[in-house]
Structures are given as structure tokens and as C-alpha cells.
Amino acid sequence: MVHLKQKQSDVLGSATEAAGKRKAESQIVATGGQVETEEGDEDDADDMQIAWEVLELARVIYSRSPNKAHLVELAKVHGRLGDLAMENEQFEQAMTEFNKCFELQKKELSPGDRRLAGSHSDLAQACLYDQKPEQAMEHYKLAAQVFETHLVEQLVAIKRKVATVSTECHTDVATLGTGPQPTQLVTNMR
């Protein structure tokens, strides 16, 4: 039985190798003294298909998760699906995915989070490629508003930090006068 399987696999293996060599030979194209294969386009298509399948699987898993922390991860998946659609020149699909990404992010992130601005920029780019410049401009303006909100949030945080440090410094200066005087320290050391 084992010998029969080895013979079958050898026969099939040889036939498969021969077919593969014929296919590879037929795909080789000579151009300007260089030899190129047409496998690159096929590999890219395979890579795109695999990427899409993995992202769809991730989308399904995160969509079914009851954990709210997974909403941001689901948003990332929709963003990558939008990137993949852009790469395949499916601009309507890209806009749909980027919009889903933005809507999920909006639920979980602060209004000044830079990821929101990134989603608006992605939407704007998809609109531009889909010949919708007015919509693109609107998304670019919304991205700018998110950045402005981010700057305001950062300035408020800096002001709080300065106020805290200032209060701590005033407290430290006030306690300097109440501590032991240098002459007392020297006396205590003797």
C-alpha cells in the first residue's frame, strides 16, 4: 500500500512539476535583454485576496465581540478594508469602509483624537479619486477641525500641568522658611 502511494505521488509529482515548468516557461517574457515573469501580477492579486479574506475574518470576529474595547479594533479593520478597496480602485467601497471606520471611532474616541482626522483624510482622498471634490473638501475641513480640537485639548492639559507645578513650587518655597535653619542643622550635628 505504501509503495503504491509512493508511485502515485511520484507520478503526480512529476506531472505537476512538468506542468509547472511549462507554465513558468510560457510566462517568461524577454524584454530588452532582461527576463521578467508575469507571476508578479498574479502574486499581487493573490496577496490582495488573502489580505481581504484575513480582514473580513477579523471584521466578523470583532463584530461579534461583546467587548466594547474591540470597537476601536473593528474601526481599524474597516480602515484597512478601505485601503484595500482604494488599492483596487473601488472608491465607493473605500468610502463606505472609511465611513464605517469613522463612525466606530467617533463612538469611542475623544473629539480631538488624531485618528478621527486620519479617517476624515482617508474619506477625502477616496472622494477625490471618485471625482467628488466638494465632499473631499468637506472631509478635509472636518479633519482640520479635529486637529484644532486636539490642539485645544493639549493646551488645556499643559495649562493644568503648569498650574499643578506652580502650586507645588509655591508650597515648596513656603515650607523652606518653616524648616530647620542651617545653624540649627550644624548645632544638631555636633
Protein backbone atom coordinates (compact mmCIF):
# COMPACT_ATOMS: atom_id res chain seq x y z
CA MET A 1 0.00 0.00 0.00
CA VAL A 2 2.81 2.41 0.93
CA HIS A 3 4.66 1.57 -2.30
CA LEU A 4 1.51 2.23 -4.33
CA LYS A 5 1.10 5.66 -2.70
CA GLN A 6 4.76 6.48 -3.35
CA LYS A 7 4.37 5.54 -7.03
CA GLN A 8 1.19 7.65 -7.31
CA SER A 9 2.78 10.60 -5.60
CA ASP A 10 5.89 10.28 -7.78
CA VAL A 11 3.78 10.11 -10.93
CA LEU A 12 1.61 13.03 -9.83
CA GLY A 13 4.62 14.89 -8.51
CA SER A 14 6.46 14.52 -11.80
CA ALA A 15 3.38 15.52 -13.77
CA THR A 16 2.80 18.53 -11.55
CA GLU A 17 6.43 19.61 -11.79
CA ALA A 18 6.38 19.28 -15.58
CA ALA A 19 3.16 21.32 -15.83
CA GLY A 20 4.63 23.95 -13.53
CA LYS A 21 7.78 24.19 -15.67
CA ARG A 22 5.71 24.53 -18.86
CA LYS A 23 3.58 27.24 -17.25
CA ALA A 24 6.64 29.11 -15.99
CA GLU A 25 8.31 28.86 -19.39
CA SER A 26 5.20 30.18 -21.10
CA GLN A 27 5.04 33.12 -18.69
CA ILE A 28 8.64 34.24 -19.21
CA VAL A 29 8.81 37.28 -21.42
CA ALA A 30 12.10 38.58 -22.79
CA THR A 31 12.32 42.37 -22.78
CA GLY A 32 15.44 44.34 -23.55
CA GLY A 33 17.82 41.56 -22.62
CA GLN A 34 16.12 41.10 -19.23
CA VAL A 35 13.89 38.21 -18.39
CA GLU A 36 10.71 39.01 -16.48
CA THR A 37 7.93 36.77 -15.33
CA GLU A 38 4.28 37.64 -15.31
CA GLU A 39 3.89 36.00 -11.92
CA GLY A 40 4.21 39.37 -10.15
CA ASP A 41 0.70 40.46 -11.14
CA GLU A 42 -0.70 37.09 -10.17
CA ASP A 43 1.13 37.20 -6.82
CA ASP A 44 -0.24 40.70 -6.14
CA ALA A 45 -3.76 39.51 -6.89
CA ASP A 46 -3.26 36.53 -4.58
CA ASP A 47 -1.88 38.81 -1.86
CA MET A 48 -4.85 41.15 -2.20
CA GLN A 49 -7.26 38.23 -1.96
CA ILE A 50 -5.52 36.88 1.14
CA ALA A 51 -5.49 40.35 2.72
CA TRP A 52 -9.20 40.76 2.03
CA GLU A 53 -10.00 37.33 3.49
CA VAL A 54 -7.98 37.99 6.65
CA LEU A 55 -9.57 41.42 7.12
CA GLU A 56 -13.06 40.03 6.58
CA LEU A 57 -12.38 37.34 9.16
CA ALA A 58 -11.16 39.97 11.62
CA ARG A 59 -14.25 42.09 10.87
CA VAL A 60 -16.56 39.16 11.64
CA ILE A 61 -14.73 38.29 14.86
CA TYR A 62 -14.66 41.88 16.16
CA SER A 63 -18.27 42.47 15.10
CA ARG A 64 -19.45 39.56 17.22
CA SER A 65 -17.39 40.52 20.26
CA PRO A 66 -19.37 41.92 23.19
CA ASN A 67 -16.21 43.71 24.41
CA LYS A 68 -16.56 47.45 23.76
CA ALA A 69 -12.76 47.76 23.57
CA HIS A 70 -12.93 45.83 20.32
CA LEU A 71 -14.86 48.66 18.62
CA VAL A 72 -11.63 50.57 18.03
CA GLU A 73 -10.06 47.41 16.59
CA LEU A 74 -13.10 46.92 14.38
CA ALA A 75 -12.68 50.50 13.20
CA LYS A 76 -9.06 49.72 12.26
CA VAL A 77 -10.23 46.72 10.25
CA HIS A 78 -12.72 48.88 8.33
CA GLY A 79 -9.93 51.39 7.69
CA ARG A 80 -7.69 48.67 6.24
CA LEU A 81 -10.59 47.35 4.15
CA GLY A 82 -10.96 50.89 2.83
CA ASP A 83 -7.24 50.97 1.99
CA LEU A 84 -7.60 47.67 0.16
CA ALA A 85 -10.58 48.99 -1.80
CA MET A 86 -8.57 52.11 -2.72
CA GLU A 87 -5.75 49.90 -3.96
CA ASN A 88 -8.24 48.05 -6.16
CA GLU A 89 -9.73 51.35 -7.37
CA GLN A 90 -13.11 50.59 -5.78
CA PHE A 91 -13.61 54.11 -4.47
CA GLU A 92 -17.28 53.81 -3.49
CA GLN A 93 -16.47 50.74 -1.41
CA ALA A 94 -13.50 52.57 0.10
CA MET A 95 -15.71 55.49 1.12
CA THR A 96 -18.17 53.07 2.73
CA GLU A 97 -15.41 51.34 4.72
CA PHE A 98 -13.74 54.60 5.77
CA ASN A 99 -17.11 55.96 6.87
CA LYS A 100 -17.76 52.84 8.99
CA CYS A 101 -14.30 53.30 10.48
CA PHE A 102 -15.05 56.92 11.35
CA GLU A 103 -18.47 56.15 12.86
CA LEU A 104 -16.98 53.48 15.14
CA GLN A 105 -14.10 55.74 16.16
CA LYS A 106 -16.48 58.59 16.90
CA LYS A 107 -18.26 56.41 19.47
CA GLU A 108 -15.10 55.51 21.37
CA LEU A 109 -12.53 58.28 20.87
CA SER A 110 -12.33 61.83 22.14
CA PRO A 111 -13.31 64.55 19.64
CA GLY A 112 -9.67 65.64 19.35
CA ASP A 113 -8.20 62.21 18.69
CA ARG A 114 -5.94 62.32 15.65
CA ARG A 115 -7.29 59.01 14.39
CA LEU A 116 -10.57 60.80 13.63
CA ALA A 117 -8.68 63.31 11.50
CA GLY A 118 -6.97 60.41 9.74
CA SER A 119 -10.33 58.87 8.92
CA HIS A 120 -11.55 62.18 7.51
CA SER A 121 -8.39 62.42 5.41
CA ASP A 122 -8.91 58.89 4.12
CA LEU A 123 -12.52 59.74 3.24
CA ALA A 124 -11.37 62.91 1.49
CA GLN A 125 -8.83 61.01 -0.59
CA ALA A 126 -11.43 58.43 -1.63
CA CYS A 127 -13.80 61.25 -2.59
CA LEU A 128 -11.09 62.90 -4.69
CA TYR A 129 -10.38 59.69 -6.58
CA ASP A 130 -14.12 59.19 -7.07
CA GLN A 131 -14.39 62.66 -8.64
CA LYS A 132 -16.25 64.21 -5.69
CA PRO A 133 -14.14 67.26 -4.84
CA GLU A 134 -16.84 69.03 -2.79
CA GLN A 135 -17.19 66.08 -0.45
CA ALA A 136 -13.40 65.79 -0.27
CA MET A 137 -13.09 69.43 0.76
CA GLU A 138 -15.71 68.93 3.47
CA HIS A 139 -13.76 65.99 4.93
CA TYR A 140 -10.50 67.93 4.82
CA LYS A 141 -12.20 70.76 6.72
CA LEU A 142 -13.54 68.28 9.28
CA ALA A 143 -10.03 66.84 9.67
CA ALA A 144 -8.72 70.35 10.31
CA GLN A 145 -11.41 70.86 12.97
CA VAL A 146 -10.34 67.65 14.69
CA PHE A 147 -6.73 68.89 14.74
CA GLU A 148 -7.89 72.22 16.19
CA THR A 149 -9.78 70.36 18.91
CA HIS A 150 -6.68 68.28 19.57
CA LEU A 151 -4.57 71.43 19.95
CA VAL A 152 -7.09 72.95 22.37
CA GLU A 153 -7.11 69.73 24.42
CA GLN A 154 -3.31 69.76 24.53
CA LEU A 155 -3.19 73.42 25.59
CA VAL A 156 -5.68 72.79 28.39
CA ALA A 157 -3.60 69.82 29.56
CA ILE A 158 -0.43 71.95 29.52
CA LYS A 159 -2.15 74.74 31.49
CA ARG A 160 -3.27 72.21 34.10
CA LYS A 161 0.24 70.83 34.37
CA VAL A 162 1.74 74.31 34.72
CA ALA A 163 -0.81 75.19 37.40
CA THR A 164 0.00 71.99 39.28
CA VAL A 165 3.75 72.57 39.08
CA SER A 166 3.30 76.21 40.06
CA THR A 167 1.26 75.24 43.11
CA GLU A 168 3.86 72.64 44.09
CA CYS A 169 6.65 75.23 43.73
CA HIS A 170 4.78 77.73 45.91
CA THR A 171 4.23 75.05 48.51
CA ASP A 172 7.92 74.10 48.43
CA VAL A 173 9.01 77.76 48.78
CA ALA A 174 6.60 78.32 51.65
CA THR A 175 7.91 75.29 53.54
CA LEU A 176 11.52 76.41 53.11
CA GLY A 177 11.10 79.08 55.78
CA THR A 178 9.48 76.68 58.26
CA GLY A 179 12.17 74.04 58.17
CA PRO A 180 15.30 73.89 60.32
CA GLN A 181 17.72 76.77 59.80
CA PRO A 182 21.29 75.99 58.71
CA THR A 183 22.67 77.00 62.13
CA GLN A 184 20.29 74.57 63.79
CA LEU A 185 21.46 71.78 61.46
CA VAL A 186 25.11 72.45 62.33
CA THR A 187 24.30 72.52 66.05
CA ASN A 188 22.42 69.25 65.76
CA MET A 189 25.38 67.64 64.01
CA ARG A 190 27.77 68.41 66.89
